[in-house]
Amino acid sequence: MAKFFGNLNAVLVVGLLATIALIFGLHGDMVTGNAIGRWLHLFFGVLWIGLLYYLNFVQVPLMPSIPDDLKPAVGKHIAPKVLFYFRWAALLTVVTGLYVAWASGWLHQAMTLQPPYQMIGVGMWIAIIMAANVWFIIWPKQKRVLGIVEATADEKAAAGKVALMASRTNVLLSLPMFYTMVNANAG
């Protein structure tokens, strides 16, 4: 059992197979691309926001207390891996969300904030802004901070401040985004 749970890929494959069995066991031939899209949207969204919160509630606040000789382990091994999943989860959350809106037939109405799709539309626009922060501000700045892109010490410090502000902006935006997502269909 320890060997199985020690292998993340095996756990994910079995989890996916269990999901497929559940879907076909409960829905049978009524499985739709929209249902699969919603599930993927939720999966990628949890991964994205989970990593956003990990970075902002755990990793970043703890960095000043980590001994200097241990900081390279975070910067060279942990942070790049976290940021890989973070940025791709952001993109895939937005893509699957747009797919769900399209497959449901209300993409245009939501994106143009037409009644009764304003609530979900606002949430979608917030998510797009957040994903843009990830790809066009946070990731480029973090590449400097982590030494993936060459930068002076001053450039790294400046990049770190901008990345932190963009990341904290995403924390701030995540709260109203959650509200819009949860209450979009509330009547």
C-alpha atoms as a PDB file:
ATOM      1  CA  MET A   1       0.000   0.000   0.000  1.00  0.00           C
ATOM      2  CA  ALA A   2       2.829   2.394   0.845  1.00  0.00           C
ATOM      3  CA  LYS A   3       4.370   1.780  -2.578  1.00  0.00           C
ATOM      4  CA  PHE A   4       1.067   2.635  -4.289  1.00  0.00           C
ATOM      5  CA  PHE A   5       0.497   5.837  -2.292  1.00  0.00           C
ATOM      6  CA  GLY A   6       4.133   6.778  -2.797  1.00  0.00           C
ATOM      7  CA  ASN A   7       3.513   6.983  -6.553  1.00  0.00           C
ATOM      8  CA  LEU A   8       1.512  10.116  -7.399  1.00  0.00           C
ATOM      9  CA  ASN A   9       0.949   9.003 -11.000  1.00  0.00           C
ATOM     10  CA  ALA A  10      -0.550   5.693  -9.861  1.00  0.00           C
ATOM     11  CA  VAL A  11      -2.821   7.486  -7.388  1.00  0.00           C
ATOM     12  CA  LEU A  12      -4.004   9.890 -10.089  1.00  0.00           C
ATOM     13  CA  VAL A  13      -4.663   7.079 -12.585  1.00  0.00           C
ATOM     14  CA  VAL A  14      -6.679   5.085 -10.034  1.00  0.00           C
ATOM     15  CA  GLY A  15      -8.543   8.261  -9.024  1.00  0.00           C
ATOM     16  CA  LEU A  16      -9.354   8.940 -12.672  1.00  0.00           C
ATOM     17  CA  LEU A  17     -10.516   5.351 -13.200  1.00  0.00           C
ATOM     18  CA  ALA A  18     -12.698   5.574 -10.072  1.00  0.00           C
ATOM     19  CA  THR A  19     -14.194   8.799 -11.428  1.00  0.00           C
ATOM     20  CA  ILE A  20     -14.904   7.199 -14.800  1.00  0.00           C
ATOM     21  CA  ALA A  21     -16.531   4.211 -13.086  1.00  0.00           C
ATOM     22  CA  LEU A  22     -18.645   6.553 -10.968  1.00  0.00           C
ATOM     23  CA  ILE A  23     -19.675   8.656 -13.952  1.00  0.00           C
ATOM     24  CA  PHE A  24     -20.753   5.683 -16.042  1.00  0.00           C
ATOM     25  CA  GLY A  25     -22.218   3.870 -13.046  1.00  0.00           C
ATOM     26  CA  LEU A  26     -24.475   6.786 -12.152  1.00  0.00           C
ATOM     27  CA  HIS A  27     -25.060   8.448 -15.520  1.00  0.00           C
ATOM     28  CA  GLY A  28     -24.542   5.630 -18.002  1.00  0.00           C
ATOM     29  CA  ASP A  29     -25.177   6.856 -21.504  1.00  0.00           C
ATOM     30  CA  MET A  30     -26.109  10.357 -20.301  1.00  0.00           C
ATOM     31  CA  VAL A  31     -22.481  11.478 -19.929  1.00  0.00           C
ATOM     32  CA  THR A  32     -21.900  14.728 -21.777  1.00  0.00           C
ATOM     33  CA  GLY A  33     -18.887  16.796 -22.687  1.00  0.00           C
ATOM     34  CA  ASN A  34     -20.358  19.511 -20.480  1.00  0.00           C
ATOM     35  CA  ALA A  35     -20.375  17.196 -17.442  1.00  0.00           C
ATOM     36  CA  ILE A  36     -16.767  16.176 -18.077  1.00  0.00           C
ATOM     37  CA  GLY A  37     -15.859  19.828 -18.683  1.00  0.00           C
ATOM     38  CA  ARG A  38     -17.399  20.857 -15.347  1.00  0.00           C
ATOM     39  CA  TRP A  39     -15.455  18.158 -13.544  1.00  0.00           C
ATOM     40  CA  LEU A  40     -12.195  19.193 -15.219  1.00  0.00           C
ATOM     41  CA  HIS A  41     -12.951  22.854 -14.486  1.00  0.00           C
ATOM     42  CA  LEU A  42     -13.392  22.062 -10.807  1.00  0.00           C
ATOM     43  CA  PHE A  43     -10.232  19.905 -10.712  1.00  0.00           C
ATOM     44  CA  PHE A  44      -8.024  22.520 -12.352  1.00  0.00           C
ATOM     45  CA  GLY A  45      -9.619  25.325 -10.333  1.00  0.00           C
ATOM     46  CA  VAL A  46      -8.928  23.556  -7.035  1.00  0.00           C
ATOM     47  CA  LEU A  47      -5.344  22.893  -8.121  1.00  0.00           C
ATOM     48  CA  TRP A  48      -4.838  26.529  -9.190  1.00  0.00           C
ATOM     49  CA  ILE A  49      -6.350  28.209  -6.155  1.00  0.00           C
ATOM     50  CA  GLY A  50      -4.881  25.612  -3.806  1.00  0.00           C
ATOM     51  CA  LEU A  51      -1.407  26.479  -5.081  1.00  0.00           C
ATOM     52  CA  LEU A  52      -2.197  30.219  -4.959  1.00  0.00           C
ATOM     53  CA  TYR A  53      -3.134  29.851  -1.288  1.00  0.00           C
ATOM     54  CA  TYR A  54      -0.151  27.585  -0.565  1.00  0.00           C
ATOM     55  CA  LEU A  55       2.194  30.210  -2.004  1.00  0.00           C
ATOM     56  CA  ASN A  56       0.552  33.113  -0.155  1.00  0.00           C
ATOM     57  CA  PHE A  57      -0.289  31.477   3.167  1.00  0.00           C
ATOM     58  CA  VAL A  58       2.680  29.119   3.545  1.00  0.00           C
ATOM     59  CA  GLN A  59       5.710  29.439   1.258  1.00  0.00           C
ATOM     60  CA  VAL A  60       6.088  33.217   0.902  1.00  0.00           C
ATOM     61  CA  PRO A  61       5.487  34.044   4.602  1.00  0.00           C
ATOM     62  CA  LEU A  62       7.937  31.320   5.693  1.00  0.00           C
ATOM     63  CA  MET A  63      10.777  32.299   3.347  1.00  0.00           C
ATOM     64  CA  PRO A  64      12.291  34.926   5.718  1.00  0.00           C
ATOM     65  CA  SER A  65      12.518  32.333   8.509  1.00  0.00           C
ATOM     66  CA  ILE A  66      14.158  29.646   6.353  1.00  0.00           C
ATOM     67  CA  PRO A  67      17.915  29.475   6.963  1.00  0.00           C
ATOM     68  CA  ASP A  68      19.944  30.901   4.069  1.00  0.00           C
ATOM     69  CA  ASP A  69      21.617  27.563   3.352  1.00  0.00           C
ATOM     70  CA  LEU A  70      18.197  25.941   2.789  1.00  0.00           C
ATOM     71  CA  LYS A  71      16.669  28.667   0.581  1.00  0.00           C
ATOM     72  CA  PRO A  72      18.276  27.327  -2.621  1.00  0.00           C
ATOM     73  CA  ALA A  73      16.293  24.096  -2.168  1.00  0.00           C
ATOM     74  CA  VAL A  74      13.070  26.078  -2.283  1.00  0.00           C
ATOM     75  CA  GLY A  75      14.198  28.291  -5.158  1.00  0.00           C
ATOM     76  CA  LYS A  76      15.716  25.553  -7.302  1.00  0.00           C
ATOM     77  CA  HIS A  77      13.410  22.613  -6.610  1.00  0.00           C
ATOM     78  CA  ILE A  78      10.108  23.463  -4.905  1.00  0.00           C
ATOM     79  CA  ALA A  79       9.145  26.854  -6.351  1.00  0.00           C
ATOM     80  CA  PRO A  80       9.701  25.958 -10.042  1.00  0.00           C
ATOM     81  CA  LYS A  81       7.548  22.827  -9.676  1.00  0.00           C
ATOM     82  CA  VAL A  82       4.820  24.731  -7.810  1.00  0.00           C
ATOM     83  CA  LEU A  83       4.844  27.494 -10.424  1.00  0.00           C
ATOM     84  CA  PHE A  84       4.668  24.939 -13.269  1.00  0.00           C
ATOM     85  CA  TYR A  85       1.446  23.428 -11.922  1.00  0.00           C
ATOM     86  CA  PHE A  86       0.198  26.856 -10.815  1.00  0.00           C
ATOM     87  CA  ARG A  87       0.389  28.479 -14.250  1.00  0.00           C
ATOM     88  CA  TRP A  88      -0.929  25.489 -16.209  1.00  0.00           C
ATOM     89  CA  ALA A  89      -3.787  24.962 -13.746  1.00  0.00           C
ATOM     90  CA  ALA A  90      -4.687  28.652 -14.180  1.00  0.00           C
ATOM     91  CA  LEU A  91      -4.801  28.311 -17.949  1.00  0.00           C
ATOM     92  CA  LEU A  92      -6.719  25.026 -17.908  1.00  0.00           C
ATOM     93  CA  THR A  93      -9.219  26.395 -15.377  1.00  0.00           C
ATOM     94  CA  VAL A  94     -10.034  29.280 -17.708  1.00  0.00           C
ATOM     95  CA  VAL A  95     -10.118  27.082 -20.825  1.00  0.00           C
ATOM     96  CA  THR A  96     -12.412  24.495 -19.240  1.00  0.00           C
ATOM     97  CA  GLY A  97     -14.610  27.246 -17.781  1.00  0.00           C
ATOM     98  CA  LEU A  98     -14.997  28.840 -21.204  1.00  0.00           C
ATOM     99  CA  TYR A  99     -15.744  25.403 -22.661  1.00  0.00           C
ATOM    100  CA  VAL A 100     -18.479  24.780 -20.069  1.00  0.00           C
ATOM    101  CA  ALA A 101     -20.055  28.165 -20.825  1.00  0.00           C
ATOM    102  CA  TRP A 102     -19.890  27.438 -24.567  1.00  0.00           C
ATOM    103  CA  ALA A 103     -21.249  23.886 -24.204  1.00  0.00           C
ATOM    104  CA  SER A 104     -24.069  25.235 -22.018  1.00  0.00           C
ATOM    105  CA  GLY A 105     -24.957  27.813 -24.667  1.00  0.00           C
ATOM    106  CA  TRP A 106     -24.356  30.985 -22.652  1.00  0.00           C
ATOM    107  CA  LEU A 107     -20.732  31.937 -23.309  1.00  0.00           C
ATOM    108  CA  HIS A 108     -21.582  35.115 -25.233  1.00  0.00           C
ATOM    109  CA  GLN A 109     -24.216  36.227 -22.724  1.00  0.00           C
ATOM    110  CA  ALA A 110     -21.850  35.682 -19.775  1.00  0.00           C
ATOM    111  CA  MET A 111     -18.864  37.393 -21.378  1.00  0.00           C
ATOM    112  CA  THR A 112     -20.989  40.423 -22.312  1.00  0.00           C
ATOM    113  CA  LEU A 113     -22.669  40.409 -18.869  1.00  0.00           C
ATOM    114  CA  GLN A 114     -26.203  39.991 -20.209  1.00  0.00           C
ATOM    115  CA  PRO A 115     -29.043  39.122 -17.824  1.00  0.00           C
ATOM    116  CA  PRO A 116     -29.315  36.612 -16.230  1.00  0.00           C
ATOM    117  CA  TYR A 117     -25.634  35.728 -16.760  1.00  0.00           C
ATOM    118  CA  GLN A 118     -24.007  38.772 -15.169  1.00  0.00           C
ATOM    119  CA  MET A 119     -22.969  36.984 -11.970  1.00  0.00           C
ATOM    120  CA  ILE A 120     -21.161  34.118 -13.717  1.00  0.00           C
ATOM    121  CA  GLY A 121     -19.839  36.559 -16.329  1.00  0.00           C
ATOM    122  CA  VAL A 122     -18.239  38.737 -13.659  1.00  0.00           C
ATOM    123  CA  GLY A 123     -16.663  35.602 -12.169  1.00  0.00           C
ATOM    124  CA  MET A 124     -15.344  34.583 -15.565  1.00  0.00           C
ATOM    125  CA  TRP A 125     -13.794  38.002 -16.164  1.00  0.00           C
ATOM    126  CA  ILE A 126     -12.206  37.936 -12.706  1.00  0.00           C
ATOM    127  CA  ALA A 127     -10.733  34.492 -13.447  1.00  0.00           C
ATOM    128  CA  ILE A 128      -9.375  35.716 -16.791  1.00  0.00           C
ATOM    129  CA  ILE A 129      -7.714  38.676 -15.054  1.00  0.00           C
ATOM    130  CA  MET A 130      -6.255  36.331 -12.452  1.00  0.00           C
ATOM    131  CA  ALA A 131      -4.915  33.956 -15.100  1.00  0.00           C
ATOM    132  CA  ALA A 132      -3.416  36.906 -16.979  1.00  0.00           C
ATOM    133  CA  ASN A 133      -1.676  37.921 -13.738  1.00  0.00           C
ATOM    134  CA  VAL A 134      -0.233  34.417 -13.490  1.00  0.00           C
ATOM    135  CA  TRP A 135       1.041  34.209 -17.064  1.00  0.00           C
ATOM    136  CA  PHE A 136       2.010  37.815 -17.817  1.00  0.00           C
ATOM    137  CA  ILE A 137       3.158  39.167 -14.447  1.00  0.00           C
ATOM    138  CA  ILE A 138       3.805  36.499 -11.809  1.00  0.00           C
ATOM    139  CA  TRP A 139       5.551  33.892 -13.979  1.00  0.00           C
ATOM    140  CA  PRO A 140       7.836  36.308 -15.885  1.00  0.00           C
ATOM    141  CA  LYS A 141       8.840  38.016 -12.621  1.00  0.00           C
ATOM    142  CA  GLN A 142       9.356  34.706 -10.803  1.00  0.00           C
ATOM    143  CA  LYS A 143      11.671  33.529 -13.571  1.00  0.00           C
ATOM    144  CA  ARG A 144      13.943  36.428 -12.598  1.00  0.00           C
ATOM    145  CA  VAL A 145      13.568  35.779  -8.866  1.00  0.00           C
ATOM    146  CA  LEU A 146      14.397  32.082  -9.290  1.00  0.00           C
ATOM    147  CA  GLY A 147      17.338  32.702 -11.620  1.00  0.00           C
ATOM    148  CA  ILE A 148      15.698  31.028 -14.618  1.00  0.00           C
ATOM    149  CA  VAL A 149      16.207  34.343 -16.403  1.00  0.00           C
ATOM    150  CA  GLU A 150      19.384  36.241 -15.642  1.00  0.00           C
ATOM    151  CA  ALA A 151      18.889  39.285 -13.410  1.00  0.00           C
ATOM    152  CA  THR A 152      20.905  41.403 -11.001  1.00  0.00           C
ATOM    153  CA  ALA A 153      20.156  41.305  -7.281  1.00  0.00           C
ATOM    154  CA  ASP A 154      18.263  44.603  -7.585  1.00  0.00           C
ATOM    155  CA  GLU A 155      16.249  43.309 -10.555  1.00  0.00           C
ATOM    156  CA  LYS A 156      15.410  40.124  -8.616  1.00  0.00           C
ATOM    157  CA  ALA A 157      14.252  42.151  -5.604  1.00  0.00           C
ATOM    158  CA  ALA A 158      12.103  44.424  -7.790  1.00  0.00           C
ATOM    159  CA  ALA A 159      10.663  41.440  -9.670  1.00  0.00           C
ATOM    160  CA  GLY A 160       9.843  39.730  -6.364  1.00  0.00           C
ATOM    161  CA  LYS A 161       7.881  42.753  -5.163  1.00  0.00           C
ATOM    162  CA  VAL A 162       5.850  42.949  -8.367  1.00  0.00           C
ATOM    163  CA  ALA A 163       5.198  39.188  -8.363  1.00  0.00           C
ATOM    164  CA  LEU A 164       4.068  39.374  -4.735  1.00  0.00           C
ATOM    165  CA  MET A 165       1.660  42.245  -5.461  1.00  0.00           C
ATOM    166  CA  ALA A 166       0.187  40.374  -8.440  1.00  0.00           C
ATOM    167  CA  SER A 167      -0.131  37.197  -6.393  1.00  0.00           C
ATOM    168  CA  ARG A 168      -1.801  39.035  -3.511  1.00  0.00           C
ATOM    169  CA  THR A 169      -4.105  40.683  -6.054  1.00  0.00           C
ATOM    170  CA  ASN A 170      -5.131  37.179  -7.098  1.00  0.00           C
ATOM    171  CA  VAL A 171      -5.823  36.238  -3.472  1.00  0.00           C
ATOM    172  CA  LEU A 172      -7.984  39.354  -3.179  1.00  0.00           C
ATOM    173  CA  LEU A 173      -9.806  38.598  -6.451  1.00  0.00           C
ATOM    174  CA  SER A 174     -10.317  34.937  -5.568  1.00  0.00           C
ATOM    175  CA  LEU A 175     -12.818  35.870  -2.852  1.00  0.00           C
ATOM    176  CA  PRO A 176     -15.333  37.727  -5.055  1.00  0.00           C
ATOM    177  CA  MET A 177     -14.681  35.199  -7.826  1.00  0.00           C
ATOM    178  CA  PHE A 178     -15.744  32.367  -5.507  1.00  0.00           C
ATOM    179  CA  TYR A 179     -18.876  34.281  -4.583  1.00  0.00           C
ATOM    180  CA  THR A 180     -19.861  34.718  -8.232  1.00  0.00           C
ATOM    181  CA  MET A 181     -19.171  31.088  -9.055  1.00  0.00           C
ATOM    182  CA  VAL A 182     -21.138  29.707  -6.113  1.00  0.00           C
ATOM    183  CA  ASN A 183     -24.079  32.066  -6.521  1.00  0.00           C
ATOM    184  CA  ALA A 184     -24.307  32.312 -10.316  1.00  0.00           C
ATOM    185  CA  ASN A 185     -27.353  30.044 -10.437  1.00  0.00           C
ATOM    186  CA  ALA A 186     -28.886  31.114  -7.112  1.00  0.00           C
ATOM    187  CA  GLY A 187     -32.429  32.257  -7.502  1.00  0.00           C
END
